[in-house]
Amino acid sequence: MAYVSSNRSATLSFGDRIAEIRKDLSDAWRAYRVYRHTLAELQALSPRELADLGLNPTTLRSVALEAAYGKQV
């Protein structure tokens, strides 16, 4: 049986924890901006341009999510 245990907060100082939280929030905000920008650009394309790219209007959100977060939906 395998398990993972993490106790990072016990080894980090308060200032380091705040810095880590700030970095995580910054990374999340940056990824969200990429998602919004990608989705807006894809939604601005005409149906013909989307077809040329092999995309369907119903898949635009999943393409933008994959571009921003690296996840396939």
N, C-alpha and C. Protein backbone atom coordinates (compact mmCIF):
# COMPACT_ATOMS: atom_id res chain seq x y z
N MET A 1 0.85 -1.16 0.00
CA MET A 1 0.00 0.00 0.00
C MET A 1 0.90 1.24 0.00
N ALA A 2 0.58 2.16 -0.86
CA ALA A 2 1.37 3.38 -0.96
C ALA A 2 0.52 4.58 -0.57
N TYR A 3 1.15 5.55 0.02
CA TYR A 3 0.45 6.78 0.36
C TYR A 3 1.45 7.93 0.33
N VAL A 4 0.91 9.12 0.21
CA VAL A 4 1.73 10.32 0.16
C VAL A 4 1.32 11.22 1.31
N SER A 5 2.30 11.72 2.01
CA SER A 5 2.03 12.62 3.11
C SER A 5 2.84 13.89 2.89
N SER A 6 2.20 15.01 3.07
CA SER A 6 2.90 16.29 2.87
C SER A 6 2.64 17.18 4.07
N ASN A 7 3.70 17.75 4.59
CA ASN A 7 3.60 18.65 5.73
C ASN A 7 4.49 19.86 5.47
N ARG A 8 4.24 20.53 4.34
CA ARG A 8 5.06 21.65 3.93
C ARG A 8 4.95 22.84 4.87
N SER A 9 3.77 23.10 5.38
CA SER A 9 3.56 24.30 6.18
C SER A 9 4.37 24.29 7.47
N ALA A 10 4.71 23.11 7.97
CA ALA A 10 5.48 23.04 9.21
C ALA A 10 6.93 23.46 9.00
N THR A 11 7.42 23.34 7.77
CA THR A 11 8.81 23.67 7.52
C THR A 11 8.99 25.08 6.96
N LEU A 12 7.92 25.73 6.56
CA LEU A 12 8.00 27.06 5.98
C LEU A 12 7.65 28.12 7.03
N SER A 13 8.31 29.25 6.91
CA SER A 13 7.97 30.35 7.79
C SER A 13 6.66 31.00 7.33
N PHE A 14 6.13 31.85 8.16
CA PHE A 14 4.88 32.54 7.81
C PHE A 14 5.05 33.35 6.53
N GLY A 15 6.14 34.06 6.42
CA GLY A 15 6.39 34.87 5.23
C GLY A 15 6.50 34.02 3.97
N ASP A 16 7.14 32.85 4.09
CA ASP A 16 7.26 31.95 2.95
C ASP A 16 5.91 31.40 2.53
N ARG A 17 5.06 31.10 3.51
CA ARG A 17 3.72 30.61 3.18
C ARG A 17 2.91 31.68 2.47
N ILE A 18 3.01 32.91 2.93
CA ILE A 18 2.28 34.01 2.27
C ILE A 18 2.80 34.19 0.85
N ALA A 19 4.11 34.11 0.67
CA ALA A 19 4.69 34.24 -0.67
C ALA A 19 4.21 33.11 -1.58
N GLU A 20 4.12 31.92 -1.04
CA GLU A 20 3.65 30.79 -1.83
C GLU A 20 2.19 30.95 -2.22
N ILE A 21 1.37 31.41 -1.30
CA ILE A 21 -0.05 31.65 -1.60
C ILE A 21 -0.18 32.73 -2.67
N ARG A 22 0.61 33.78 -2.54
CA ARG A 22 0.56 34.86 -3.52
C ARG A 22 0.96 34.36 -4.90
N LYS A 23 2.00 33.51 -4.97
CA LYS A 23 2.44 32.96 -6.24
C LYS A 23 1.36 32.07 -6.84
N ASP A 24 0.72 31.23 -6.01
CA ASP A 24 -0.35 30.36 -6.49
C ASP A 24 -1.52 31.18 -7.05
N LEU A 25 -1.89 32.24 -6.34
CA LEU A 25 -2.97 33.11 -6.83
C LEU A 25 -2.59 33.80 -8.13
N SER A 26 -1.36 34.23 -8.22
CA SER A 26 -0.88 34.88 -9.44
C SER A 26 -0.90 33.90 -10.62
N ASP A 27 -0.46 32.67 -10.39
CA ASP A 27 -0.49 31.66 -11.44
C ASP A 27 -1.92 31.34 -11.88
N ALA A 28 -2.82 31.25 -10.92
CA ALA A 28 -4.22 30.97 -11.24
C ALA A 28 -4.84 32.11 -12.05
N TRP A 29 -4.54 33.34 -11.67
CA TRP A 29 -5.07 34.50 -12.39
C TRP A 29 -4.52 34.55 -13.81
N ARG A 30 -3.23 34.24 -13.96
CA ARG A 30 -2.60 34.24 -15.28
C ARG A 30 -3.25 33.19 -16.18
N ALA A 31 -3.50 32.00 -15.66
CA ALA A 31 -4.14 30.94 -16.44
C ALA A 31 -5.57 31.33 -16.82
N TYR A 32 -6.28 31.97 -15.90
CA TYR A 32 -7.64 32.41 -16.19
C TYR A 32 -7.65 33.46 -17.31
N ARG A 33 -6.67 34.37 -17.28
CA ARG A 33 -6.59 35.37 -18.34
C ARG A 33 -6.31 34.72 -19.69
N VAL A 34 -5.45 33.70 -19.72
CA VAL A 34 -5.19 32.97 -20.96
C VAL A 34 -6.47 32.32 -21.45
N TYR A 35 -7.22 31.72 -20.53
CA TYR A 35 -8.50 31.09 -20.89
C TYR A 35 -9.45 32.11 -21.52
N ARG A 36 -9.64 33.24 -20.83
CA ARG A 36 -10.57 34.27 -21.34
C ARG A 36 -10.14 34.78 -22.70
N HIS A 37 -8.85 35.07 -22.86
CA HIS A 37 -8.33 35.61 -24.11
C HIS A 37 -8.50 34.60 -25.25
N THR A 38 -8.15 33.35 -24.98
CA THR A 38 -8.28 32.30 -26.00
C THR A 38 -9.73 32.11 -26.40
N LEU A 39 -10.62 32.06 -25.43
CA LEU A 39 -12.03 31.87 -25.73
C LEU A 39 -12.58 33.05 -26.54
N ALA A 40 -12.21 34.26 -26.19
CA ALA A 40 -12.68 35.44 -26.92
C ALA A 40 -12.19 35.40 -28.37
N GLU A 41 -10.94 35.02 -28.58
CA GLU A 41 -10.41 34.96 -29.95
C GLU A 41 -11.11 33.87 -30.75
N LEU A 42 -11.35 32.73 -30.14
CA LEU A 42 -12.03 31.65 -30.85
C LEU A 42 -13.47 32.02 -31.17
N GLN A 43 -14.15 32.70 -30.25
CA GLN A 43 -15.53 33.09 -30.49
C GLN A 43 -15.65 34.17 -31.56
N ALA A 44 -14.56 34.89 -31.81
CA ALA A 44 -14.58 35.93 -32.84
C ALA A 44 -14.42 35.35 -34.25
N LEU A 45 -14.05 34.10 -34.36
CA LEU A 45 -13.86 33.49 -35.67
C LEU A 45 -15.21 33.16 -36.31
N SER A 46 -15.22 33.19 -37.63
CA SER A 46 -16.43 32.84 -38.36
C SER A 46 -16.58 31.32 -38.38
N PRO A 47 -17.79 30.85 -38.68
CA PRO A 47 -17.99 29.39 -38.76
C PRO A 47 -17.06 28.73 -39.77
N ARG A 48 -16.78 29.42 -40.86
CA ARG A 48 -15.87 28.85 -41.87
C ARG A 48 -14.45 28.74 -41.33
N GLU A 49 -13.99 29.77 -40.63
CA GLU A 49 -12.65 29.72 -40.05
C GLU A 49 -12.54 28.61 -39.00
N LEU A 50 -13.60 28.44 -38.21
CA LEU A 50 -13.60 27.36 -37.23
C LEU A 50 -13.55 26.00 -37.93
N ALA A 51 -14.31 25.86 -39.01
CA ALA A 51 -14.30 24.60 -39.76
C ALA A 51 -12.92 24.34 -40.34
N ASP A 52 -12.25 25.37 -40.82
CA ASP A 52 -10.89 25.22 -41.35
C ASP A 52 -9.92 24.72 -40.29
N LEU A 53 -10.16 25.11 -39.04
CA LEU A 53 -9.32 24.67 -37.93
C LEU A 53 -9.76 23.31 -37.38
N GLY A 54 -10.88 22.82 -37.88
CA GLY A 54 -11.39 21.54 -37.40
C GLY A 54 -12.10 21.67 -36.07
N LEU A 55 -12.63 22.85 -35.80
CA LEU A 55 -13.32 23.10 -34.53
C LEU A 55 -14.81 23.28 -34.76
N ASN A 56 -15.55 22.96 -33.73
CA ASN A 56 -16.98 23.12 -33.71
C ASN A 56 -17.29 24.18 -32.65
N PRO A 57 -18.26 25.05 -32.87
CA PRO A 57 -18.57 26.08 -31.85
C PRO A 57 -18.86 25.51 -30.46
N THR A 58 -19.32 24.28 -30.38
CA THR A 58 -19.60 23.69 -29.06
C THR A 58 -18.34 23.24 -28.33
N THR A 59 -17.21 23.19 -29.02
CA THR A 59 -15.97 22.72 -28.38
C THR A 59 -15.02 23.85 -28.00
N LEU A 60 -15.44 25.08 -28.22
CA LEU A 60 -14.54 26.21 -27.98
C LEU A 60 -14.11 26.31 -26.52
N ARG A 61 -15.03 26.11 -25.61
CA ARG A 61 -14.68 26.20 -24.18
C ARG A 61 -13.64 25.15 -23.79
N SER A 62 -13.82 23.93 -24.28
CA SER A 62 -12.86 22.89 -23.93
C SER A 62 -11.49 23.15 -24.55
N VAL A 63 -11.45 23.74 -25.74
CA VAL A 63 -10.17 24.09 -26.37
C VAL A 63 -9.49 25.19 -25.56
N ALA A 64 -10.25 26.18 -25.13
CA ALA A 64 -9.68 27.26 -24.33
C ALA A 64 -9.20 26.75 -22.97
N LEU A 65 -9.95 25.84 -22.35
CA LEU A 65 -9.52 25.24 -21.08
C LEU A 65 -8.22 24.47 -21.24
N GLU A 66 -8.12 23.72 -22.32
CA GLU A 66 -6.89 22.96 -22.57
C GLU A 66 -5.72 23.89 -22.81
N ALA A 67 -5.94 25.00 -23.51
CA ALA A 67 -4.87 25.96 -23.76
C ALA A 67 -4.39 26.62 -22.46
N ALA A 68 -5.30 26.91 -21.58
CA ALA A 68 -4.96 27.63 -20.36
C ALA A 68 -4.46 26.72 -19.24
N TYR A 69 -5.12 25.59 -19.07
CA TYR A 69 -4.83 24.73 -17.92
C TYR A 69 -4.20 23.40 -18.28
N GLY A 70 -4.15 23.10 -19.58
CA GLY A 70 -3.57 21.83 -20.00
C GLY A 70 -4.44 20.64 -19.71
N LYS A 71 -5.73 20.85 -19.53
CA LYS A 71 -6.66 19.77 -19.22
C LYS A 71 -7.56 19.53 -20.40
N GLN A 72 -7.83 18.28 -20.68
CA GLN A 72 -8.81 17.95 -21.68
C GLN A 72 -10.13 17.65 -21.00
N VAL A 73 -11.18 18.22 -21.56
CA VAL A 73 -12.52 18.02 -20.97
C VAL A 73 -13.32 17.09 -21.83
